[in-house]
Amino acid sequence: MKNICLSLGLVLTGLLFTTSAFGQSKGKFQDSTFTVRGVCDMCEERIEDAALIKGVRSAEWDRHTQTIRVIYKTKQVNADEIKTAIAKAGHDTDEILAEDEAYAKLPDCCAYRDGVKVH
């Protein structure tokens, strides 16, 4: 009986360390939400596509709240890099504004600055 308990304890300890090792190799995921300006379904597609850089697991933009929720691997990417990628696509975030050249390339229906909304 003593040997069975000892063996079971060793197996469980081994499983614990194995699970921990696998968990660490995957890295930590961060769930963040921040503001991204846009107007329409075309904006949604552009914003989400721009956010899906290496290390980003998912990106969902909500037109009504003007927010994006991203889940990303902290060892590969950070929130500022995601915001920069979105800004390069022409959309302002809460911390990084799109350059005028990138914004100018947006279709007219996607204009959101200066209170302009074509929809």
PDB file of N, CA and C in Angstrom:
ATOM      1  N   MET A   1       0.827  -1.194   0.000  1.00  0.00           N
ATOM      2  CA  MET A   1       0.000   0.000   0.000  1.00  0.00           C
ATOM      3  C   MET A   1       0.869   1.255   0.000  1.00  0.00           C
ATOM      4  N   LYS A   2       1.977   1.167   0.802  1.00  0.00           N
ATOM      5  CA  LYS A   2       2.892   2.293   0.895  1.00  0.00           C
ATOM      6  C   LYS A   2       3.540   2.582  -0.461  1.00  0.00           C
ATOM      7  N   ASN A   3       3.904   1.522  -1.174  1.00  0.00           N
ATOM      8  CA  ASN A   3       4.537   1.668  -2.486  1.00  0.00           C
ATOM      9  C   ASN A   3       3.577   2.271  -3.511  1.00  0.00           C
ATOM     10  N   ILE A   4       2.311   1.901  -3.432  1.00  0.00           N
ATOM     11  CA  ILE A   4       1.306   2.427  -4.352  1.00  0.00           C
ATOM     12  C   ILE A   4       1.132   3.934  -4.127  1.00  0.00           C
ATOM     13  N   CYS A   5       1.032   4.346  -2.883  1.00  0.00           N
ATOM     14  CA  CYS A   5       0.876   5.776  -2.558  1.00  0.00           C
ATOM     15  C   CYS A   5       2.107   6.563  -2.996  1.00  0.00           C
ATOM     16  N   LEU A   6       3.284   6.010  -2.766  1.00  0.00           N
ATOM     17  CA  LEU A   6       4.529   6.663  -3.160  1.00  0.00           C
ATOM     18  C   LEU A   6       4.605   6.791  -4.677  1.00  0.00           C
ATOM     19  N   SER A   7       4.246   5.724  -5.383  1.00  0.00           N
ATOM     20  CA  SER A   7       4.262   5.741  -6.848  1.00  0.00           C
ATOM     21  C   SER A   7       3.257   6.749  -7.391  1.00  0.00           C
ATOM     22  N   LEU A   8       2.075   6.760  -6.826  1.00  0.00           N
ATOM     23  CA  LEU A   8       1.041   7.696  -7.242  1.00  0.00           C
ATOM     24  C   LEU A   8       1.495   9.137  -6.998  1.00  0.00           C
ATOM     25  N   GLY A   9       2.128   9.383  -5.875  1.00  0.00           N
ATOM     26  CA  GLY A   9       2.641  10.715  -5.560  1.00  0.00           C
ATOM     27  C   GLY A   9       3.700  11.159  -6.555  1.00  0.00           C
ATOM     28  N   LEU A  10       4.588  10.253  -6.930  1.00  0.00           N
ATOM     29  CA  LEU A  10       5.634  10.570  -7.909  1.00  0.00           C
ATOM     30  C   LEU A  10       5.038  10.858  -9.282  1.00  0.00           C
ATOM     31  N   VAL A  11       4.053  10.076  -9.673  1.00  0.00           N
ATOM     32  CA  VAL A  11       3.403  10.289 -10.969  1.00  0.00           C
ATOM     33  C   VAL A  11       2.704  11.651 -10.992  1.00  0.00           C
ATOM     34  N   LEU A  12       1.971  11.964  -9.942  1.00  0.00           N
ATOM     35  CA  LEU A  12       1.276  13.249  -9.879  1.00  0.00           C
ATOM     36  C   LEU A  12       2.255  14.420  -9.873  1.00  0.00           C
ATOM     37  N   THR A  13       3.351  14.288  -9.157  1.00  0.00           N
ATOM     38  CA  THR A  13       4.375  15.331  -9.143  1.00  0.00           C
ATOM     39  C   THR A  13       4.970  15.505 -10.535  1.00  0.00           C
ATOM     40  N   GLY A  14       5.238  14.406 -11.203  1.00  0.00           N
ATOM     41  CA  GLY A  14       5.773  14.466 -12.568  1.00  0.00           C
ATOM     42  C   GLY A  14       4.814  15.145 -13.519  1.00  0.00           C
ATOM     43  N   LEU A  15       3.533  14.839 -13.404  1.00  0.00           N
ATOM     44  CA  LEU A  15       2.518  15.486 -14.243  1.00  0.00           C
ATOM     45  C   LEU A  15       2.445  16.985 -13.972  1.00  0.00           C
ATOM     46  N   LEU A  16       2.559  17.368 -12.725  1.00  0.00           N
ATOM     47  CA  LEU A  16       2.522  18.785 -12.361  1.00  0.00           C
ATOM     48  C   LEU A  16       3.665  19.538 -13.026  1.00  0.00           C
ATOM     49  N   PHE A  17       4.868  18.999 -12.958  1.00  0.00           N
ATOM     50  CA  PHE A  17       6.021  19.655 -13.573  1.00  0.00           C
ATOM     51  C   PHE A  17       5.921  19.657 -15.093  1.00  0.00           C
ATOM     52  N   THR A  18       5.407  18.591 -15.666  1.00  0.00           N
ATOM     53  CA  THR A  18       5.245  18.517 -17.115  1.00  0.00           C
ATOM     54  C   THR A  18       4.244  19.558 -17.584  1.00  0.00           C
ATOM     55  N   THR A  19       3.124  19.686 -16.902  1.00  0.00           N
ATOM     56  CA  THR A  19       2.114  20.675 -17.245  1.00  0.00           C
ATOM     57  C   THR A  19       2.672  22.073 -17.119  1.00  0.00           C
ATOM     58  N   SER A  20       3.416  22.352 -16.071  1.00  0.00           N
ATOM     59  CA  SER A  20       4.010  23.673 -15.892  1.00  0.00           C
ATOM     60  C   SER A  20       4.991  23.986 -17.006  1.00  0.00           C
ATOM     61  N   ALA A  21       5.779  23.016 -17.398  1.00  0.00           N
ATOM     62  CA  ALA A  21       6.772  23.235 -18.455  1.00  0.00           C
ATOM     63  C   ALA A  21       6.078  23.543 -19.775  1.00  0.00           C
ATOM     64  N   PHE A  22       5.016  22.807 -20.093  1.00  0.00           N
ATOM     65  CA  PHE A  22       4.295  23.078 -21.327  1.00  0.00           C
ATOM     66  C   PHE A  22       3.626  24.444 -21.279  1.00  0.00           C
ATOM     67  N   GLY A  23       3.067  24.818 -20.159  1.00  0.00           N
ATOM     68  CA  GLY A  23       2.419  26.117 -20.013  1.00  0.00           C
ATOM     69  C   GLY A  23       3.390  27.260 -20.211  1.00  0.00           C
ATOM     70  N   GLN A  24       4.616  27.124 -19.737  1.00  0.00           N
ATOM     71  CA  GLN A  24       5.599  28.186 -19.877  1.00  0.00           C
ATOM     72  C   GLN A  24       6.077  28.326 -21.309  1.00  0.00           C
ATOM     73  N   SER A  25       6.138  27.240 -22.050  1.00  0.00           N
ATOM     74  CA  SER A  25       6.630  27.331 -23.416  1.00  0.00           C
ATOM     75  C   SER A  25       5.645  28.079 -24.313  1.00  0.00           C
ATOM     76  N   LYS A  26       4.378  28.070 -23.965  1.00  0.00           N
ATOM     77  CA  LYS A  26       3.385  28.772 -24.762  1.00  0.00           C
ATOM     78  C   LYS A  26       3.441  30.278 -24.548  1.00  0.00           C
ATOM     79  N   GLY A  27       3.869  30.721 -23.398  1.00  0.00           N
ATOM     80  CA  GLY A  27       3.921  32.149 -23.118  1.00  0.00           C
ATOM     81  C   GLY A  27       2.603  32.646 -22.565  1.00  0.00           C
ATOM     82  N   LYS A  28       2.641  33.876 -22.062  1.00  0.00           N
ATOM     83  CA  LYS A  28       1.443  34.466 -21.486  1.00  0.00           C
ATOM     84  C   LYS A  28       0.656  35.228 -22.532  1.00  0.00           C
ATOM     85  N   PHE A  29      -0.644  35.165 -22.411  1.00  0.00           N
ATOM     86  CA  PHE A  29      -1.516  35.946 -23.271  1.00  0.00           C
ATOM     87  C   PHE A  29      -2.075  37.117 -22.473  1.00  0.00           C
ATOM     88  N   GLN A  30      -2.190  38.246 -23.128  1.00  0.00           N
ATOM     89  CA  GLN A  30      -2.752  39.456 -22.526  1.00  0.00           C
ATOM     90  C   GLN A  30      -4.042  39.781 -23.258  1.00  0.00           C
ATOM     91  N   ASP A  31      -5.031  40.192 -22.530  1.00  0.00           N
ATOM     92  CA  ASP A  31      -6.312  40.622 -23.082  1.00  0.00           C
ATOM     93  C   ASP A  31      -6.415  42.120 -22.842  1.00  0.00           C
ATOM     94  N   SER A  32      -6.437  42.913 -23.921  1.00  0.00           N
ATOM     95  CA  SER A  32      -6.483  44.369 -23.792  1.00  0.00           C
ATOM     96  C   SER A  32      -7.600  44.953 -24.642  1.00  0.00           C
ATOM     97  N   THR A  33      -8.153  46.046 -24.164  1.00  0.00           N
ATOM     98  CA  THR A  33      -9.164  46.783 -24.906  1.00  0.00           C
ATOM     99  C   THR A  33      -8.735  48.243 -24.956  1.00  0.00           C
ATOM    100  N   PHE A  34      -8.813  48.841 -26.147  1.00  0.00           N
ATOM    101  CA  PHE A  34      -8.477  50.250 -26.280  1.00  0.00           C
ATOM    102  C   PHE A  34      -9.286  50.879 -27.413  1.00  0.00           C
ATOM    103  N   THR A  35      -9.273  52.189 -27.456  1.00  0.00           N
ATOM    104  CA  THR A  35     -10.061  52.943 -28.422  1.00  0.00           C
ATOM    105  C   THR A  35      -9.398  52.953 -29.794  1.00  0.00           C
ATOM    106  N   VAL A  36     -10.218  52.745 -30.827  1.00  0.00           N
ATOM    107  CA  VAL A  36      -9.790  52.881 -32.217  1.00  0.00           C
ATOM    108  C   VAL A  36     -10.937  53.549 -32.967  1.00  0.00           C
ATOM    109  N   ARG A  37     -10.632  54.649 -33.656  1.00  0.00           N
ATOM    110  CA  ARG A  37     -11.664  55.387 -34.377  1.00  0.00           C
ATOM    111  C   ARG A  37     -11.927  54.792 -35.750  1.00  0.00           C
ATOM    112  N   GLY A  38     -13.204  54.716 -36.091  1.00  0.00           N
ATOM    113  CA  GLY A  38     -13.636  54.201 -37.382  1.00  0.00           C
ATOM    114  C   GLY A  38     -15.125  54.447 -37.551  1.00  0.00           C
ATOM    115  N   VAL A  39     -15.667  54.030 -38.699  1.00  0.00           N
ATOM    116  CA  VAL A  39     -17.052  54.357 -39.006  1.00  0.00           C
ATOM    117  C   VAL A  39     -17.894  53.149 -39.419  1.00  0.00           C
ATOM    118  N   CYS A  40     -17.364  52.328 -40.305  1.00  0.00           N
ATOM    119  CA  CYS A  40     -18.234  51.365 -40.982  1.00  0.00           C
ATOM    120  C   CYS A  40     -17.662  49.938 -40.962  1.00  0.00           C
ATOM    121  N   ASP A  41     -18.332  49.051 -41.714  1.00  0.00           N
ATOM    122  CA  ASP A  41     -17.881  47.660 -41.815  1.00  0.00           C
ATOM    123  C   ASP A  41     -16.521  47.563 -42.498  1.00  0.00           C
ATOM    124  N   MET A  42     -16.274  48.437 -43.471  1.00  0.00           N
ATOM    125  CA  MET A  42     -14.964  48.443 -44.126  1.00  0.00           C
ATOM    126  C   MET A  42     -13.876  48.808 -43.116  1.00  0.00           C
ATOM    127  N   CYS A  43     -14.182  49.764 -42.240  1.00  0.00           N
ATOM    128  CA  CYS A  43     -13.236  50.143 -41.184  1.00  0.00           C
ATOM    129  C   CYS A  43     -12.976  48.950 -40.271  1.00  0.00           C
ATOM    130  N   GLU A  44     -14.049  48.268 -39.899  1.00  0.00           N
ATOM    131  CA  GLU A  44     -13.915  47.104 -39.012  1.00  0.00           C
ATOM    132  C   GLU A  44     -12.950  46.081 -39.596  1.00  0.00           C
ATOM    133  N   GLU A  45     -13.147  45.755 -40.857  1.00  0.00           N
ATOM    134  CA  GLU A  45     -12.285  44.771 -41.497  1.00  0.00           C
ATOM    135  C   GLU A  45     -10.831  45.262 -41.546  1.00  0.00           C
ATOM    136  N   ARG A  46     -10.634  46.528 -41.897  1.00  0.00           N
ATOM    137  CA  ARG A  46      -9.290  47.092 -42.000  1.00  0.00           C
ATOM    138  C   ARG A  46      -8.596  47.134 -40.635  1.00  0.00           C
ATOM    139  N   ILE A  47      -9.324  47.553 -39.610  1.00  0.00           N
ATOM    140  CA  ILE A  47      -8.773  47.664 -38.252  1.00  0.00           C
ATOM    141  C   ILE A  47      -8.387  46.279 -37.724  1.00  0.00           C
ATOM    142  N   GLU A  48      -9.299  45.328 -37.850  1.00  0.00           N
ATOM    143  CA  GLU A  48      -9.020  43.978 -37.347  1.00  0.00           C
ATOM    144  C   GLU A  48      -7.864  43.333 -38.101  1.00  0.00           C
ATOM    145  N   ASP A  49      -7.834  43.506 -39.424  1.00  0.00           N
ATOM    146  CA  ASP A  49      -6.730  42.946 -40.213  1.00  0.00           C
ATOM    147  C   ASP A  49      -5.401  43.573 -39.806  1.00  0.00           C
ATOM    148  N   ALA A  50      -5.389  44.886 -39.603  1.00  0.00           N
ATOM    149  CA  ALA A  50      -4.156  45.585 -39.220  1.00  0.00           C
ATOM    150  C   ALA A  50      -3.668  45.123 -37.852  1.00  0.00           C
ATOM    151  N   ALA A  51      -4.593  44.829 -36.958  1.00  0.00           N
ATOM    152  CA  ALA A  51      -4.231  44.409 -35.597  1.00  0.00           C
ATOM    153  C   ALA A  51      -3.668  42.997 -35.545  1.00  0.00           C
ATOM    154  N   LEU A  52      -3.957  42.192 -36.539  1.00  0.00           N
ATOM    155  CA  LEU A  52      -3.542  40.788 -36.519  1.00  0.00           C
ATOM    156  C   LEU A  52      -2.089  40.624 -36.977  1.00  0.00           C
ATOM    157  N   ILE A  53      -1.186  41.244 -36.236  1.00  0.00           N
ATOM    158  CA  ILE A  53       0.239  41.087 -36.498  1.00  0.00           C
ATOM    159  C   ILE A  53       0.744  39.861 -35.740  1.00  0.00           C
ATOM    160  N   LYS A  54       1.998  39.500 -35.970  1.00  0.00           N
ATOM    161  CA  LYS A  54       2.560  38.309 -35.329  1.00  0.00           C
ATOM    162  C   LYS A  54       2.437  38.413 -33.810  1.00  0.00           C
ATOM    163  N   GLY A  55       1.884  37.382 -33.216  1.00  0.00           N
ATOM    164  CA  GLY A  55       1.709  37.334 -31.771  1.00  0.00           C
ATOM    165  C   GLY A  55       0.299  37.663 -31.319  1.00  0.00           C
ATOM    166  N   VAL A  56      -0.525  38.206 -32.213  1.00  0.00           N
ATOM    167  CA  VAL A  56      -1.912  38.545 -31.864  1.00  0.00           C
ATOM    168  C   VAL A  56      -2.789  37.339 -32.179  1.00  0.00           C
ATOM    169  N   ARG A  57      -3.500  36.901 -31.182  1.00  0.00           N
ATOM    170  CA  ARG A  57      -4.358  35.721 -31.327  1.00  0.00           C
ATOM    171  C   ARG A  57      -5.721  36.092 -31.905  1.00  0.00           C
ATOM    172  N   SER A  58      -6.289  37.213 -31.438  1.00  0.00           N
ATOM    173  CA  SER A  58      -7.584  37.642 -31.962  1.00  0.00           C
ATOM    174  C   SER A  58      -7.739  39.149 -31.809  1.00  0.00           C
ATOM    175  N   ALA A  59      -8.578  39.719 -32.674  1.00  0.00           N
ATOM    176  CA  ALA A  59      -8.867  41.147 -32.643  1.00  0.00           C
ATOM    177  C   ALA A  59     -10.320  41.354 -33.055  1.00  0.00           C
ATOM    178  N   GLU A  60     -11.082  42.040 -32.203  1.00  0.00           N
ATOM    179  CA  GLU A  60     -12.493  42.299 -32.490  1.00  0.00           C
ATOM    180  C   GLU A  60     -12.791  43.762 -32.202  1.00  0.00           C
ATOM    181  N   TRP A  61     -13.147  44.519 -33.260  1.00  0.00           N
ATOM    182  CA  TRP A  61     -13.454  45.938 -33.120  1.00  0.00           C
ATOM    183  C   TRP A  61     -14.961  46.127 -33.069  1.00  0.00           C
ATOM    184  N   ASP A  62     -15.427  46.993 -32.180  1.00  0.00           N
ATOM    185  CA  ASP A  62     -16.852  47.304 -32.033  1.00  0.00           C
ATOM    186  C   ASP A  62     -17.081  48.742 -32.484  1.00  0.00           C
ATOM    187  N   ARG A  63     -17.805  48.905 -33.557  1.00  0.00           N
ATOM    188  CA  ARG A  63     -18.079  50.228 -34.135  1.00  0.00           C
ATOM    189  C   ARG A  63     -18.826  51.134 -33.157  1.00  0.00           C
ATOM    190  N   HIS A  64     -19.740  50.592 -32.382  1.00  0.00           N
ATOM    191  CA  HIS A  64     -20.567  51.413 -31.491  1.00  0.00           C
ATOM    192  C   HIS A  64     -19.783  51.962 -30.304  1.00  0.00           C
ATOM    193  N   THR A  65     -18.895  51.169 -29.760  1.00  0.00           N
ATOM    194  CA  THR A  65     -18.097  51.628 -28.616  1.00  0.00           C
ATOM    195  C   THR A  65     -16.754  52.205 -29.035  1.00  0.00           C
ATOM    196  N   GLN A  66     -16.408  52.038 -30.331  1.00  0.00           N
ATOM    197  CA  GLN A  66     -15.127  52.514 -30.870  1.00  0.00           C
ATOM    198  C   GLN A  66     -13.950  51.887 -30.115  1.00  0.00           C
ATOM    199  N   THR A  67     -14.102  50.616 -29.752  1.00  0.00           N
ATOM    200  CA  THR A  67     -13.032  49.918 -29.035  1.00  0.00           C
ATOM    201  C   THR A  67     -12.683  48.614 -29.744  1.00  0.00           C
ATOM    202  N   ILE A  68     -11.447  48.208 -29.547  1.00  0.00           N
ATOM    203  CA  ILE A  68     -10.992  46.921 -30.059  1.00  0.00           C
ATOM    204  C   ILE A  68     -10.520  46.097 -28.873  1.00  0.00           C
ATOM    205  N   ARG A  69     -10.837  44.824 -28.919  1.00  0.00           N
ATOM    206  CA  ARG A  69     -10.354  43.880 -27.911  1.00  0.00           C
ATOM    207  C   ARG A  69      -9.363  42.969 -28.606  1.00  0.00           C
ATOM    208  N   VAL A  70      -8.144  42.945 -28.089  1.00  0.00           N
ATOM    209  CA  VAL A  70      -7.100  42.102 -28.666  1.00  0.00           C
ATOM    210  C   VAL A  70      -6.567  41.146 -27.611  1.00  0.00           C
ATOM    211  N   ILE A  71      -6.272  39.948 -28.037  1.00  0.00           N
ATOM    212  CA  ILE A  71      -5.620  38.958 -27.193  1.00  0.00           C
ATOM    213  C   ILE A  71      -4.310  38.635 -27.890  1.00  0.00           C
ATOM    214  N   TYR A  72      -3.218  38.819 -27.161  1.00  0.00           N
ATOM    215  CA  TYR A  72      -1.909  38.663 -27.788  1.00  0.00           C
ATOM    216  C   TYR A  72      -0.901  38.031 -26.843  1.00  0.00           C
ATOM    217  N   LYS A  73       0.137  37.470 -27.426  1.00  0.00           N
ATOM    218  CA  LYS A  73       1.206  36.813 -26.698  1.00  0.00           C
ATOM    219  C   LYS A  73       2.223  37.871 -26.271  1.00  0.00           C
ATOM    220  N   THR A  74       2.396  38.029 -24.974  1.00  0.00           N
ATOM    221  CA  THR A  74       3.250  39.099 -24.443  1.00  0.00           C
ATOM    222  C   THR A  74       4.723  38.933 -24.779  1.00  0.00           C
ATOM    223  N   LYS A  75       5.160  37.732 -25.075  1.00  0.00           N
ATOM    224  CA  LYS A  75       6.563  37.521 -25.439  1.00  0.00           C
ATOM    225  C   LYS A  75       6.842  37.898 -26.888  1.00  0.00           C
ATOM    226  N   GLN A  76       5.803  38.073 -27.698  1.00  0.00           N
ATOM    227  CA  GLN A  76       5.989  38.363 -29.115  1.00  0.00           C
ATOM    228  C   GLN A  76       5.613  39.785 -29.508  1.00  0.00           C
ATOM    229  N   VAL A  77       4.693  40.391 -28.792  1.00  0.00           N
ATOM    230  CA  VAL A  77       4.176  41.695 -29.204  1.00  0.00           C
ATOM    231  C   VAL A  77       3.631  42.434 -27.983  1.00  0.00           C
ATOM    232  N   ASN A  78       3.515  43.756 -28.088  1.00  0.00           N
ATOM    233  CA  ASN A  78       2.901  44.527 -27.007  1.00  0.00           C
ATOM    234  C   ASN A  78       1.814  45.440 -27.581  1.00  0.00           C
ATOM    235  N   ALA A  79       1.058  46.067 -26.709  1.00  0.00           N
ATOM    236  CA  ALA A  79      -0.078  46.889 -27.130  1.00  0.00           C
ATOM    237  C   ALA A  79       0.353  48.047 -28.026  1.00  0.00           C
ATOM    238  N   ASP A  80       1.492  48.671 -27.746  1.00  0.00           N
ATOM    239  CA  ASP A  80       1.956  49.791 -28.569  1.00  0.00           C
ATOM    240  C   ASP A  80       2.247  49.349 -30.005  1.00  0.00           C
ATOM    241  N   GLU A  81       2.781  48.156 -30.178  1.00  0.00           N
ATOM    242  CA  GLU A  81       3.049  47.652 -31.527  1.00  0.00           C
ATOM    243  C   GLU A  81       1.744  47.401 -32.283  1.00  0.00           C
ATOM    244  N   ILE A  82       0.739  46.933 -31.589  1.00  0.00           N
ATOM    245  CA  ILE A  82      -0.570  46.699 -32.213  1.00  0.00           C
ATOM    246  C   ILE A  82      -1.192  48.042 -32.595  1.00  0.00           C
ATOM    247  N   LYS A  83      -1.127  49.011 -31.696  1.00  0.00           N
ATOM    248  CA  LYS A  83      -1.674  50.343 -31.973  1.00  0.00           C
ATOM    249  C   LYS A  83      -0.956  51.003 -33.142  1.00  0.00           C
ATOM    250  N   THR A  84       0.352  50.815 -33.234  1.00  0.00           N
ATOM    251  CA  THR A  84       1.125  51.369 -34.343  1.00  0.00           C
ATOM    252  C   THR A  84       0.686  50.751 -35.665  1.00  0.00           C
ATOM    253  N   ALA A  85       0.465  49.447 -35.689  1.00  0.00           N
ATOM    254  CA  ALA A  85       0.015  48.762 -36.905  1.00  0.00           C
ATOM    255  C   ALA A  85      -1.354  49.282 -37.343  1.00  0.00           C
ATOM    256  N   ILE A  86      -2.236  49.521 -36.383  1.00  0.00           N
ATOM    257  CA  ILE A  86      -3.569  50.046 -36.703  1.00  0.00           C
ATOM    258  C   ILE A  86      -3.455  51.474 -37.236  1.00  0.00           C
ATOM    259  N   ALA A  87      -2.614  52.278 -36.620  1.00  0.00           N
ATOM    260  CA  ALA A  87      -2.414  53.661 -37.071  1.00  0.00           C
ATOM    261  C   ALA A  87      -1.840  53.701 -38.484  1.00  0.00           C
ATOM    262  N   LYS A  88      -0.960  52.774 -38.812  1.00  0.00           N
ATOM    263  CA  LYS A  88      -0.396  52.720 -40.164  1.00  0.00           C
ATOM    264  C   LYS A  88      -1.469  52.416 -41.197  1.00  0.00           C
ATOM    265  N   ALA A  89      -2.551  51.771 -40.770  1.00  0.00           N
ATOM    266  CA  ALA A  89      -3.668  51.466 -41.668  1.00  0.00           C
ATOM    267  C   ALA A  89      -4.612  52.658 -41.809  1.00  0.00           C
ATOM    268  N   GLY A  90      -4.356  53.745 -41.050  1.00  0.00           N
ATOM    269  CA  GLY A  90      -5.154  54.960 -41.197  1.00  0.00           C
ATOM    270  C   GLY A  90      -6.131  55.244 -40.078  1.00  0.00           C
ATOM    271  N   HIS A  91      -6.092  54.478 -39.001  1.00  0.00           N
ATOM    272  CA  HIS A  91      -7.052  54.656 -37.914  1.00  0.00           C
ATOM    273  C   HIS A  91      -6.368  55.110 -36.630  1.00  0.00           C
ATOM    274  N   ASP A  92      -6.932  56.156 -36.016  1.00  0.00           N
ATOM    275  CA  ASP A  92      -6.399  56.696 -34.766  1.00  0.00           C
ATOM    276  C   ASP A  92      -6.738  55.759 -33.611  1.00  0.00           C
ATOM    277  N   THR A  93      -5.774  55.607 -32.696  1.00  0.00           N
ATOM    278  CA  THR A  93      -6.026  54.859 -31.466  1.00  0.00           C
ATOM    279  C   THR A  93      -5.998  55.851 -30.312  1.00  0.00           C
ATOM    280  N   ASP A  94      -6.209  55.354 -29.109  1.00  0.00           N
ATOM    281  CA  ASP A  94      -6.219  56.238 -27.949  1.00  0.00           C
ATOM    282  C   ASP A  94      -4.866  56.880 -27.680  1.00  0.00           C
ATOM    283  N   GLU A  95      -3.789  56.289 -28.171  1.00  0.00           N
ATOM    284  CA  GLU A  95      -2.457  56.829 -27.911  1.00  0.00           C
ATOM    285  C   GLU A  95      -1.659  57.173 -29.159  1.00  0.00           C
ATOM    286  N   ILE A  96      -1.975  56.554 -30.278  1.00  0.00           N
ATOM    287  CA  ILE A  96      -1.199  56.771 -31.503  1.00  0.00           C
ATOM    288  C   ILE A  96      -2.143  57.209 -32.617  1.00  0.00           C
ATOM    289  N   LEU A  97      -1.852  58.390 -33.182  1.00  0.00           N
ATOM    290  CA  LEU A  97      -2.662  58.907 -34.283  1.00  0.00           C
ATOM    291  C   LEU A  97      -2.090  58.442 -35.617  1.00  0.00           C
ATOM    292  N   ALA A  98      -2.986  58.154 -36.547  1.00  0.00           N
ATOM    293  CA  ALA A  98      -2.561  57.786 -37.896  1.00  0.00           C
ATOM    294  C   ALA A  98      -1.941  59.010 -38.558  1.00  0.00           C
ATOM    295  N   GLU A  99      -0.901  58.775 -39.345  1.00  0.00           N
ATOM    296  CA  GLU A  99      -0.316  59.878 -40.103  1.00  0.00           C
ATOM    297  C   GLU A  99      -1.324  60.345 -41.132  1.00  0.00           C
ATOM    298  N   ASP A 100      -1.253  61.634 -41.480  1.00  0.00           N
ATOM    299  CA  ASP A 100      -2.212  62.212 -42.425  1.00  0.00           C
ATOM    300  C   ASP A 100      -2.225  61.463 -43.756  1.00  0.00           C
ATOM    301  N   GLU A 101      -1.062  61.008 -44.215  1.00  0.00           N
ATOM    302  CA  GLU A 101      -0.988  60.278 -45.489  1.00  0.00           C
ATOM    303  C   GLU A 101      -1.773  58.972 -45.422  1.00  0.00           C
ATOM    304  N   ALA A 102      -1.659  58.262 -44.305  1.00  0.00           N
ATOM    305  CA  ALA A 102      -2.381  56.994 -44.141  1.00  0.00           C
ATOM    306  C   ALA A 102      -3.881  57.257 -44.045  1.00  0.00           C
ATOM    307  N   TYR A 103      -4.263  58.300 -43.303  1.00  0.00           N
ATOM    308  CA  TYR A 103      -5.677  58.645 -43.165  1.00  0.00           C
ATOM    309  C   TYR A 103      -6.266  59.048 -44.515  1.00  0.00           C
ATOM    310  N   ALA A 104      -5.508  59.795 -45.314  1.00  0.00           N
ATOM    311  CA  ALA A 104      -5.982  60.279 -46.618  1.00  0.00           C
ATOM    312  C   ALA A 104      -6.261  59.130 -47.587  1.00  0.00           C
ATOM    313  N   LYS A 105      -5.631  57.984 -47.375  1.00  0.00           N
ATOM    314  CA  LYS A 105      -5.832  56.831 -48.259  1.00  0.00           C
ATOM    315  C   LYS A 105      -7.140  56.081 -47.968  1.00  0.00           C
ATOM    316  N   LEU A 106      -7.796  56.405 -46.846  1.00  0.00           N
ATOM    317  CA  LEU A 106      -9.058  55.742 -46.517  1.00  0.00           C
ATOM    318  C   LEU A 106     -10.134  56.169 -47.502  1.00  0.00           C
ATOM    319  N   PRO A 107     -11.070  55.273 -47.812  1.00  0.00           N
ATOM    320  CA  PRO A 107     -12.207  55.672 -48.649  1.00  0.00           C
ATOM    321  C   PRO A 107     -12.999  56.795 -47.973  1.00  0.00           C
ATOM    322  N   ASP A 108     -13.693  57.599 -48.762  1.00  0.00           N
ATOM    323  CA  ASP A 108     -14.462  58.725 -48.216  1.00  0.00           C
ATOM    324  C   ASP A 108     -15.461  58.291 -47.147  1.00  0.00           C
ATOM    325  N   CYS A 109     -16.042  57.119 -47.321  1.00  0.00           N
ATOM    326  CA  CYS A 109     -17.039  56.656 -46.352  1.00  0.00           C
ATOM    327  C   CYS A 109     -16.422  56.312 -44.999  1.00  0.00           C
ATOM    328  N   CYS A 110     -15.109  56.242 -44.945  1.00  0.00           N
ATOM    329  CA  CYS A 110     -14.421  55.886 -43.701  1.00  0.00           C
ATOM    330  C   CYS A 110     -13.884  57.106 -42.955  1.00  0.00           C
ATOM    331  N   ALA A 111     -14.191  58.311 -43.441  1.00  0.00           N
ATOM    332  CA  ALA A 111     -13.708  59.538 -42.791  1.00  0.00           C
ATOM    333  C   ALA A 111     -14.339  59.669 -41.412  1.00  0.00           C
ATOM    334  N   TYR A 112     -13.520  59.892 -40.404  1.00  0.00           N
ATOM    335  CA  TYR A 112     -14.023  60.002 -39.037  1.00  0.00           C
ATOM    336  C   TYR A 112     -13.476  61.227 -38.305  1.00  0.00           C
ATOM    337  N   ARG A 113     -12.491  61.917 -38.827  1.00  0.00           N
ATOM    338  CA  ARG A 113     -11.910  63.069 -38.169  1.00  0.00           C
ATOM    339  C   ARG A 113     -12.774  64.305 -38.357  1.00  0.00           C
ATOM    340  N   ASP A 114     -12.637  65.263 -37.470  1.00  0.00           N
ATOM    341  CA  ASP A 114     -13.341  66.550 -37.515  1.00  0.00           C
ATOM    342  C   ASP A 114     -14.857  66.388 -37.556  1.00  0.00           C
ATOM    343  N   GLY A 115     -15.339  65.326 -36.932  1.00  0.00           N
ATOM    344  CA  GLY A 115     -16.777  65.127 -36.846  1.00  0.00           C
ATOM    345  C   GLY A 115     -17.431  64.735 -38.157  1.00  0.00           C
ATOM    346  N   VAL A 116     -16.640  64.447 -39.180  1.00  0.00           N
ATOM    347  CA  VAL A 116     -17.178  64.070 -40.477  1.00  0.00           C
ATOM    348  C   VAL A 116     -17.548  62.599 -40.484  1.00  0.00           C
ATOM    349  N   LYS A 117     -18.777  62.339 -40.811  1.00  0.00           N
ATOM    350  CA  LYS A 117     -19.224  60.954 -41.011  1.00  0.00           C
ATOM    351  C   LYS A 117     -20.091  60.954 -42.249  1.00  0.00           C
ATOM    352  N   VAL A 118     -19.692  60.212 -43.238  1.00  0.00           N
ATOM    353  CA  VAL A 118     -20.401  60.192 -44.492  1.00  0.00           C
ATOM    354  C   VAL A 118     -21.643  59.314 -44.400  1.00  0.00           C
ATOM    355  N   HIS A 119     -21.645  58.330 -43.521  1.00  0.00           N
ATOM    356  CA  HIS A 119     -22.780  57.402 -43.411  1.00  0.00           C
ATOM    357  C   HIS A 119     -23.985  58.063 -42.841  1.00  0.00           C
TER     358      HIS A 119
END
